N, C-alpha and C. Protein backbone atom coordinates (compact mmCIF):
# COMPACT_ATOMS: atom_id res chain seq x y z
N MET A 1 -55.77 -6.41 43.83
CA MET A 1 -56.18 -7.06 42.97
C MET A 1 -55.80 -6.66 41.36
N THR A 2 -55.02 -7.90 40.99
CA THR A 2 -54.11 -7.18 39.47
C THR A 2 -55.32 -7.83 38.26
N THR A 3 -55.12 -6.74 37.48
CA THR A 3 -55.82 -7.29 36.13
C THR A 3 -55.09 -7.59 35.12
N GLU A 4 -55.81 -8.70 34.17
CA GLU A 4 -54.83 -9.26 33.42
C GLU A 4 -54.60 -8.35 32.06
N PRO A 5 -53.25 -7.84 31.72
CA PRO A 5 -53.44 -7.19 30.41
C PRO A 5 -53.91 -7.02 29.20
N PRO A 6 -54.86 -6.75 28.31
CA PRO A 6 -55.65 -6.77 27.55
C PRO A 6 -54.98 -7.68 26.29
N GLU A 7 -55.89 -8.70 25.71
CA GLU A 7 -55.20 -9.19 24.98
C GLU A 7 -54.88 -8.54 23.52
N PRO A 8 -53.74 -8.47 22.99
CA PRO A 8 -52.97 -7.95 22.06
C PRO A 8 -53.78 -7.77 20.72
N ASP A 9 -54.21 -7.00 20.06
CA ASP A 9 -55.09 -6.98 18.46
C ASP A 9 -54.22 -7.51 17.45
N ILE A 10 -54.18 -8.85 17.45
CA ILE A 10 -53.36 -9.76 16.20
C ILE A 10 -54.33 -10.34 15.61
N THR A 11 -54.24 -9.84 14.06
CA THR A 11 -55.12 -10.61 13.06
C THR A 11 -54.49 -11.38 12.19
N THR A 12 -52.84 -10.95 12.01
CA THR A 12 -52.45 -11.97 10.61
C THR A 12 -51.48 -13.03 10.95
N PHE A 13 -51.05 -14.08 10.23
CA PHE A 13 -49.98 -15.46 10.76
C PHE A 13 -49.71 -15.11 9.79
N ARG A 14 -48.47 -15.26 9.65
CA ARG A 14 -47.98 -15.10 8.22
C ARG A 14 -46.36 -16.49 8.86
N THR A 15 -47.26 -17.63 7.67
CA THR A 15 -46.59 -19.22 7.87
C THR A 15 -44.73 -19.05 7.32
N ASP A 16 -44.72 -18.17 6.33
CA ASP A 16 -43.52 -17.95 5.78
C ASP A 16 -42.58 -17.16 6.71
N ARG A 17 -42.67 -16.62 8.05
CA ARG A 17 -42.01 -15.36 8.94
C ARG A 17 -41.49 -16.55 10.05
N THR A 18 -40.03 -16.01 10.72
CA THR A 18 -39.82 -16.48 11.69
C THR A 18 -40.08 -15.47 12.72
N GLY A 19 -40.62 -16.31 14.30
CA GLY A 19 -40.60 -16.11 15.41
C GLY A 19 -41.59 -14.66 15.57
N ILE A 20 -41.70 -13.78 16.14
CA ILE A 20 -42.67 -12.79 16.25
C ILE A 20 -42.89 -12.05 15.01
N ARG A 21 -42.19 -12.04 14.20
CA ARG A 21 -42.24 -11.37 12.86
C ARG A 21 -43.70 -12.25 12.06
N LYS A 22 -44.29 -13.59 12.77
CA LYS A 22 -45.55 -14.32 11.94
C LYS A 22 -46.53 -13.66 12.01
N VAL A 23 -46.69 -12.51 13.55
CA VAL A 23 -47.61 -11.76 13.61
C VAL A 23 -47.49 -10.28 13.61
N LEU A 24 -46.46 -10.28 13.69
CA LEU A 24 -46.12 -8.81 13.56
C LEU A 24 -45.36 -8.19 11.85
N GLY A 25 -45.58 -6.71 11.59
CA GLY A 25 -44.72 -6.83 10.88
C GLY A 25 -42.89 -6.61 11.10
N ASP A 26 -42.08 -6.50 9.98
CA ASP A 26 -40.56 -6.47 10.27
C ASP A 26 -40.32 -5.25 11.31
N LEU A 27 -41.04 -4.25 10.82
CA LEU A 27 -40.51 -2.35 11.86
C LEU A 27 -41.10 -2.97 13.12
N GLU A 28 -42.45 -3.32 13.41
CA GLU A 28 -43.39 -3.53 14.67
C GLU A 28 -42.04 -4.31 15.51
N ALA A 29 -42.12 -5.55 14.66
CA ALA A 29 -41.03 -6.42 15.34
C ALA A 29 -40.04 -6.04 16.28
N GLU A 30 -39.15 -5.28 15.13
CA GLU A 30 -37.78 -4.72 15.73
C GLU A 30 -38.10 -3.59 16.76
N ILE A 31 -38.92 -2.77 16.70
CA ILE A 31 -39.43 -1.92 17.68
C ILE A 31 -39.82 -2.57 18.45
N MET A 32 -40.95 -3.75 18.42
CA MET A 32 -40.85 -4.09 20.39
C MET A 32 -39.70 -5.23 20.66
N GLU A 33 -38.92 -5.35 20.01
CA GLU A 33 -37.56 -6.57 20.27
C GLU A 33 -36.79 -5.56 21.08
N LEU A 34 -36.76 -4.21 20.66
CA LEU A 34 -35.91 -2.95 21.18
C LEU A 34 -36.64 -2.82 22.81
N ILE A 35 -37.73 -2.61 22.75
CA ILE A 35 -38.41 -2.27 23.85
C ILE A 35 -38.45 -3.21 25.06
N TRP A 36 -38.39 -4.66 24.08
CA TRP A 36 -38.30 -5.35 25.55
C TRP A 36 -36.88 -5.62 26.25
N ALA A 37 -35.78 -5.56 25.43
CA ALA A 37 -34.10 -5.13 25.52
C ALA A 37 -33.92 -4.53 26.66
N ARG A 38 -34.80 -3.27 27.09
CA ARG A 38 -34.08 -1.97 27.58
C ARG A 38 -34.94 -2.24 28.78
N SER A 39 -35.11 -1.46 29.66
CA SER A 39 -35.42 -1.66 31.03
C SER A 39 -37.23 -1.41 31.06
N PRO A 40 -37.84 -2.04 30.75
CA PRO A 40 -39.29 -2.01 30.49
C PRO A 40 -39.91 -1.18 31.46
N GLU A 41 -39.97 -1.51 32.79
CA GLU A 41 -40.43 -0.45 33.63
C GLU A 41 -40.33 0.87 33.64
N LYS A 42 -39.22 1.41 33.10
CA LYS A 42 -38.71 2.65 32.63
C LYS A 42 -39.68 3.33 31.67
N GLY A 43 -40.15 2.77 30.72
CA GLY A 43 -40.68 3.22 29.47
C GLY A 43 -39.35 3.92 28.75
N VAL A 44 -40.16 4.02 27.45
CA VAL A 44 -39.06 4.67 26.41
C VAL A 44 -40.14 5.66 25.80
N LEU A 45 -39.15 7.02 24.98
CA LEU A 45 -39.72 7.67 24.31
C LEU A 45 -39.39 7.47 22.64
N VAL A 46 -39.94 7.95 21.71
CA VAL A 46 -39.55 7.84 20.40
C VAL A 46 -38.15 7.93 20.40
N ARG A 47 -37.47 8.82 20.81
CA ARG A 47 -36.36 8.95 20.47
C ARG A 47 -35.36 8.08 20.77
N ASP A 48 -35.94 7.41 21.85
CA ASP A 48 -34.85 6.31 22.33
C ASP A 48 -34.89 5.04 21.28
N ILE A 49 -35.87 4.79 20.44
CA ILE A 49 -36.01 3.99 19.36
C ILE A 49 -35.75 4.27 18.46
N PHE A 50 -35.72 5.28 17.94
CA PHE A 50 -35.42 5.99 16.74
C PHE A 50 -33.94 5.83 16.71
N GLU A 51 -33.36 6.66 17.61
CA GLU A 51 -31.57 6.77 17.08
C GLU A 51 -31.18 5.15 16.78
N PRO A 52 -31.14 4.19 17.75
CA PRO A 52 -30.61 2.69 17.16
C PRO A 52 -31.26 2.30 15.94
N LEU A 53 -32.73 2.49 15.90
CA LEU A 53 -33.28 2.08 14.48
C LEU A 53 -32.43 2.89 13.25
N TYR A 54 -32.22 4.02 12.96
CA TYR A 54 -31.30 4.92 12.40
C TYR A 54 -30.35 4.32 12.05
N GLU A 55 -29.68 4.07 12.66
CA GLU A 55 -28.60 3.73 12.41
C GLU A 55 -28.55 2.64 11.22
N ARG A 56 -29.11 1.44 11.65
CA ARG A 56 -29.84 0.37 10.89
C ARG A 56 -30.46 0.30 9.47
N ARG A 57 -31.29 1.05 9.78
CA ARG A 57 -32.04 1.29 8.55
C ARG A 57 -32.37 2.92 7.64
N ARG A 58 -32.30 4.11 8.18
CA ARG A 58 -32.03 5.38 8.04
C ARG A 58 -33.62 5.60 7.69
N LEU A 59 -34.49 5.51 9.23
CA LEU A 59 -35.95 5.51 8.70
C LEU A 59 -36.71 7.24 9.42
N ALA A 60 -37.63 7.63 8.44
CA ALA A 60 -37.82 8.63 9.21
C ALA A 60 -38.31 8.71 11.01
N TYR A 61 -38.24 9.58 11.24
CA TYR A 61 -38.63 9.60 13.02
C TYR A 61 -39.91 9.49 12.94
N THR A 62 -40.77 10.00 12.05
CA THR A 62 -42.23 10.48 12.13
C THR A 62 -42.94 8.43 11.62
N THR A 63 -41.91 7.52 10.85
CA THR A 63 -42.33 6.77 11.00
C THR A 63 -42.22 5.35 11.95
N VAL A 64 -41.45 5.63 13.10
CA VAL A 64 -41.39 5.36 13.69
C VAL A 64 -42.30 5.49 14.67
N MET A 65 -42.45 6.93 15.10
CA MET A 65 -43.63 7.26 15.82
C MET A 65 -45.04 7.14 15.47
N SER A 66 -45.18 6.74 14.16
CA SER A 66 -46.11 6.18 13.67
C SER A 66 -46.53 4.70 14.30
N THR A 67 -45.30 4.27 13.96
CA THR A 67 -45.23 2.85 14.29
C THR A 67 -45.68 2.46 15.45
N MET A 68 -45.04 3.02 16.16
CA MET A 68 -44.69 2.68 17.60
C MET A 68 -46.75 3.39 18.29
N THR A 69 -47.06 4.07 17.35
CA THR A 69 -48.52 4.94 17.80
C THR A 69 -49.17 3.50 17.53
N ARG A 70 -49.31 2.83 16.21
CA ARG A 70 -50.10 1.57 15.98
C ARG A 70 -49.84 0.48 16.76
N LEU A 71 -48.62 -0.05 17.75
CA LEU A 71 -48.27 -0.71 18.31
C LEU A 71 -49.30 -0.55 19.77
N ALA A 72 -49.30 0.82 19.92
CA ALA A 72 -50.38 1.09 21.35
C ALA A 72 -51.59 0.92 20.89
N LYS A 73 -52.40 1.13 19.61
CA LYS A 73 -53.79 1.01 18.96
C LYS A 73 -54.10 -0.86 19.15
N LYS A 74 -53.08 -1.33 18.88
CA LYS A 74 -53.17 -2.80 18.86
C LYS A 74 -53.09 -3.52 20.37
N ARG A 75 -52.60 -2.97 21.47
CA ARG A 75 -52.61 -3.17 22.76
C ARG A 75 -50.93 -3.54 22.98
N LEU A 76 -50.63 -3.63 22.25
CA LEU A 76 -48.54 -4.35 22.75
C LEU A 76 -48.08 -3.27 23.30
N LEU A 77 -48.36 -1.53 23.44
CA LEU A 77 -47.86 -0.98 24.22
C LEU A 77 -49.14 0.12 24.81
N ARG A 78 -48.66 1.18 26.10
CA ARG A 78 -49.15 1.67 26.89
C ARG A 78 -48.50 2.92 26.65
N THR A 79 -49.33 3.98 26.60
CA THR A 79 -48.54 5.21 26.49
C THR A 79 -49.05 5.95 27.89
N GLU A 80 -48.15 7.03 28.00
CA GLU A 80 -48.31 8.08 29.23
C GLU A 80 -47.88 9.42 28.48
N LYS A 81 -48.66 10.33 28.79
CA LYS A 81 -48.10 11.73 28.41
C LYS A 81 -47.27 12.16 29.40
N ARG A 82 -45.66 12.61 29.42
CA ARG A 82 -44.78 13.14 30.64
C ARG A 82 -44.58 14.66 29.67
N ASP A 83 -44.69 15.56 30.59
CA ASP A 83 -44.39 16.98 29.97
C ASP A 83 -44.63 17.06 28.40
N ALA A 84 -43.98 17.16 27.45
CA ALA A 84 -44.19 17.42 25.95
C ALA A 84 -44.02 16.15 25.34
N ALA A 85 -44.14 15.05 26.00
CA ALA A 85 -43.81 13.90 25.34
C ALA A 85 -44.21 12.78 25.54
N TYR A 86 -44.77 11.63 24.62
CA TYR A 86 -45.02 10.79 25.05
C TYR A 86 -44.32 9.09 25.65
N VAL A 87 -44.47 8.57 26.69
CA VAL A 87 -43.62 7.71 27.07
C VAL A 87 -44.52 5.94 26.87
N TYR A 88 -43.79 5.17 26.07
CA TYR A 88 -44.29 4.07 26.18
C TYR A 88 -43.90 2.74 26.51
N TYR A 89 -44.75 2.15 27.03
CA TYR A 89 -44.69 1.19 28.38
C TYR A 89 -44.99 -0.29 27.26
N PRO A 90 -44.24 -1.70 27.33
CA PRO A 90 -44.75 -2.84 26.82
C PRO A 90 -46.07 -3.27 28.00
N VAL A 91 -46.99 -3.66 27.27
CA VAL A 91 -48.55 -3.85 27.72
C VAL A 91 -47.93 -5.25 28.46
N MET A 92 -46.91 -5.96 27.89
CA MET A 92 -46.22 -7.82 28.45
C MET A 92 -45.24 -7.83 28.14
N SER A 93 -44.36 -8.48 28.78
CA SER A 93 -42.83 -9.57 28.55
C SER A 93 -43.52 -9.95 27.05
N GLN A 94 -42.21 -10.08 26.52
CA GLN A 94 -42.18 -11.18 25.20
C GLN A 94 -42.36 -12.13 25.35
N GLN A 95 -41.95 -12.87 26.49
CA GLN A 95 -42.24 -14.40 26.67
C GLN A 95 -44.04 -14.09 26.65
N ALA A 96 -44.65 -13.44 27.51
CA ALA A 96 -46.21 -13.81 27.61
C ALA A 96 -46.92 -13.01 26.47
N PHE A 97 -45.90 -12.21 25.50
CA PHE A 97 -46.11 -12.00 24.20
C PHE A 97 -46.46 -13.39 23.26
N ILE A 98 -45.55 -14.12 23.18
CA ILE A 98 -45.60 -14.96 22.78
C ILE A 98 -46.39 -16.54 22.59
N GLU A 99 -46.48 -16.26 24.11
CA GLU A 99 -47.36 -17.28 24.42
C GLU A 99 -48.61 -16.97 24.39
N SER A 100 -49.16 -15.52 24.57
CA SER A 100 -50.39 -15.41 24.23
C SER A 100 -51.18 -15.55 23.00
N PHE A 101 -49.99 -15.53 21.65
CA PHE A 101 -50.63 -15.59 20.42
C PHE A 101 -50.11 -16.88 20.08
N VAL A 102 -49.13 -17.86 20.61
CA VAL A 102 -49.36 -19.18 20.08
C VAL A 102 -50.65 -19.79 20.70
N GLY A 103 -51.30 -19.47 21.84
CA GLY A 103 -52.31 -20.01 22.27
C GLY A 103 -53.48 -19.88 21.62
N ARG A 104 -53.51 -18.49 20.98
CA ARG A 104 -54.45 -18.06 20.40
C ARG A 104 -54.52 -18.96 18.83
N ILE A 105 -53.09 -18.94 18.19
CA ILE A 105 -53.27 -20.02 17.25
C ILE A 105 -53.85 -21.09 17.46
N LEU A 106 -53.16 -21.84 18.52
CA LEU A 106 -53.02 -23.24 18.79
C LEU A 106 -55.13 -23.04 18.72
N GLU A 107 -55.73 -22.38 19.61
CA GLU A 107 -57.02 -22.54 20.00
C GLU A 107 -58.09 -22.43 18.58
N ASP A 108 -57.28 -21.94 17.91
CA ASP A 108 -58.20 -21.50 16.39
C ASP A 108 -57.99 -23.15 15.59
N LEU A 109 -56.91 -23.44 15.53
CA LEU A 109 -56.58 -24.46 14.80
C LEU A 109 -57.58 -25.64 15.75
N TYR A 110 -57.44 -26.11 16.71
CA TYR A 110 -58.07 -27.05 17.51
C TYR A 110 -59.71 -26.71 17.36
N VAL A 111 -60.44 -25.34 17.43
CA VAL A 111 -61.40 -25.21 17.31
C VAL A 111 -62.45 -25.54 16.04
N ASN A 112 -61.20 -25.07 14.54
CA ASN A 112 -61.81 -24.70 13.54
C ASN A 112 -61.37 -25.88 13.20
N PHE A 113 -60.33 -26.94 12.80
CA PHE A 113 -59.66 -27.99 12.74
C PHE A 113 -60.08 -29.21 13.87
N SER A 114 -60.82 -29.00 14.46
CA SER A 114 -60.40 -30.00 15.42
C SER A 114 -60.26 -31.73 14.90
N GLY A 115 -61.24 -32.11 13.67
CA GLY A 115 -60.94 -33.68 13.73
C GLY A 115 -59.69 -33.96 13.00
N GLU A 116 -59.19 -32.61 12.21
CA GLU A 116 -57.92 -33.11 11.56
C GLU A 116 -57.07 -33.01 12.39
N THR A 117 -57.17 -31.86 13.66
CA THR A 117 -56.31 -31.67 14.43
C THR A 117 -56.17 -33.53 15.20
N PHE A 118 -56.67 -33.95 15.42
CA PHE A 118 -57.40 -35.38 16.27
C PHE A 118 -56.39 -36.55 14.86
N GLU A 119 -56.79 -36.19 14.02
CA GLU A 119 -56.06 -37.53 13.23
C GLU A 119 -54.62 -37.20 13.01
N HIS A 120 -53.93 -35.35 13.30
CA HIS A 120 -52.85 -35.35 13.32
C HIS A 120 -52.20 -35.93 14.42
N LEU A 121 -52.66 -35.92 15.56
CA LEU A 121 -52.17 -36.20 16.89
C LEU A 121 -52.16 -37.82 16.99
N LYS A 122 -52.61 -38.45 16.02
CA LYS A 122 -52.57 -39.77 16.30
C LYS A 122 -51.18 -40.38 15.23
N THR A 123 -50.82 -39.31 14.64
CA THR A 123 -49.21 -39.50 14.15
C THR A 123 -48.02 -38.96 14.81
N LEU A 124 -48.49 -38.31 16.16
CA LEU A 124 -47.37 -38.09 16.80
C LEU A 124 -46.45 -39.16 17.25
N GLN A 125 -44.76 -38.93 17.29
CA GLN A 125 -44.07 -39.96 17.39
C GLN A 125 -44.50 -40.28 19.04
N SER A 126 -44.56 -39.55 20.00
CA SER A 126 -44.68 -39.10 21.44
C SER A 126 -46.16 -39.43 21.79
N SER A 127 -46.36 -40.82 22.53
CA SER A 127 -48.06 -40.68 22.83
C SER A 127 -48.14 -39.33 24.34
N GLN A 128 -46.95 -38.98 24.65
CA GLN A 128 -46.83 -38.08 25.60
C GLN A 128 -47.57 -36.70 25.48
N HIS A 129 -46.79 -36.54 23.86
CA HIS A 129 -46.98 -35.38 23.33
C HIS A 129 -48.90 -35.47 23.08
N ALA A 130 -49.39 -35.92 22.32
CA ALA A 130 -50.51 -36.53 21.89
C ALA A 130 -52.02 -36.24 23.23
N SER A 131 -51.11 -37.12 23.96
CA SER A 131 -52.12 -36.67 25.37
C SER A 131 -52.29 -35.83 25.88
N HIS A 132 -51.01 -34.90 25.79
CA HIS A 132 -51.05 -33.79 26.34
C HIS A 132 -51.82 -32.64 25.19
N MET A 133 -51.27 -32.80 24.03
CA MET A 133 -52.37 -31.64 23.03
C MET A 133 -53.73 -32.20 23.51
N ARG A 134 -53.91 -33.59 23.15
CA ARG A 134 -55.87 -33.84 23.59
C ARG A 134 -56.25 -33.13 24.81
N GLU A 135 -55.30 -33.04 25.68
CA GLU A 135 -55.79 -32.45 26.73
C GLU A 135 -56.45 -30.54 27.11
N GLN A 136 -55.00 -30.13 26.15
CA GLN A 136 -55.42 -28.91 25.81
C GLN A 136 -56.60 -28.58 24.73
N LEU A 137 -56.69 -29.59 24.23
CA LEU A 137 -58.21 -29.69 22.82
C LEU A 137 -59.38 -29.25 23.95
N ASP A 138 -59.01 -30.61 24.80
CA ASP A 138 -60.31 -30.99 25.72
C ASP A 138 -60.58 -29.75 26.58
N ASP A 139 -60.12 -28.79 27.20
CA ASP A 139 -59.67 -27.64 28.01
C ASP A 139 -60.45 -26.89 27.05
N ILE A 140 -59.52 -26.16 25.89
CA ILE A 140 -60.18 -25.14 24.69
C ILE A 140 -62.13 -25.46 24.62
N LEU A 141 -62.21 -26.65 24.33
CA LEU A 141 -63.80 -26.87 23.92
C LEU A 141 -64.40 -27.07 25.15
N GLN A 142 -64.08 -27.15 26.14
CA GLN A 142 -64.78 -26.68 27.59
C GLN A 142 -65.03 -25.56 27.70
N GLN A 143 -64.01 -24.82 27.62
CA GLN A 143 -64.02 -23.18 27.73
C GLN A 143 -64.53 -22.25 26.89
N ARG A 144 -64.62 -22.90 25.72
CA ARG A 144 -65.79 -22.38 24.36
C ARG A 144 -67.25 -22.76 24.71
N ALA A 145 -67.40 -24.01 25.39
CA ALA A 145 -68.83 -24.43 25.35
C ALA A 145 -69.43 -23.42 27.11
N GLU A 146 -68.39 -23.24 28.01
CA GLU A 146 -68.84 -22.75 29.34
C GLU A 146 -68.86 -20.82 28.76
N GLU A 147 -68.32 -20.41 27.82
CA GLU A 147 -68.35 -18.95 27.26
C GLU A 147 -69.97 -19.27 26.19
N GLU A 148 -69.97 -19.62 25.71
CA GLU A 148 -71.24 -19.80 24.87
C GLU A 148 -72.65 -19.94 26.03
N GLU A 149 -72.32 -20.61 27.29
CA GLU A 149 -73.46 -20.68 28.17
C GLU A 149 -73.82 -19.43 28.77
N GLU A 150 -72.63 -18.87 29.22
CA GLU A 150 -73.01 -17.53 29.96
C GLU A 150 -73.87 -16.69 29.33
N PRO A 151 -74.68 -16.09 30.39
CA PRO A 151 -75.66 -14.84 29.60
C PRO A 151 -74.82 -13.42 29.35
N ASP A 152 -75.46 -12.95 28.18
CA ASP A 152 -74.68 -11.54 27.71
C ASP A 152 -74.93 -10.55 29.24
């Protein structure tokens, strides 16, 4: 039995940024991109990330270490102690991370602004896109209703 990775602890969405920087700070995003570009199954040490970052940004080693620790607290990285060092592993692939935060943002929009969302669906050029988005909204609303019915 495989268990789902824990949901990342993402609480910020910046509309003025691009890509994963919409939900992560610049340094956090850069670190995650470096980790995902490596062999994630092997894990990385802070030093492995610090060296390429230092060439570009002249950051302190402790800044990189603190940021990686923060990414672990946000459940984007997991750590294993190996000898005297910590090895960091991504909890999910870059694509899975993107799908996760996009899904959470869409769900939040659908649930909190369902009337406005439905009104916008009427303006979409493609009826196929509108139909697909309505199906997604129905799924989210049904899932929310089921969660509310479950006893604690």
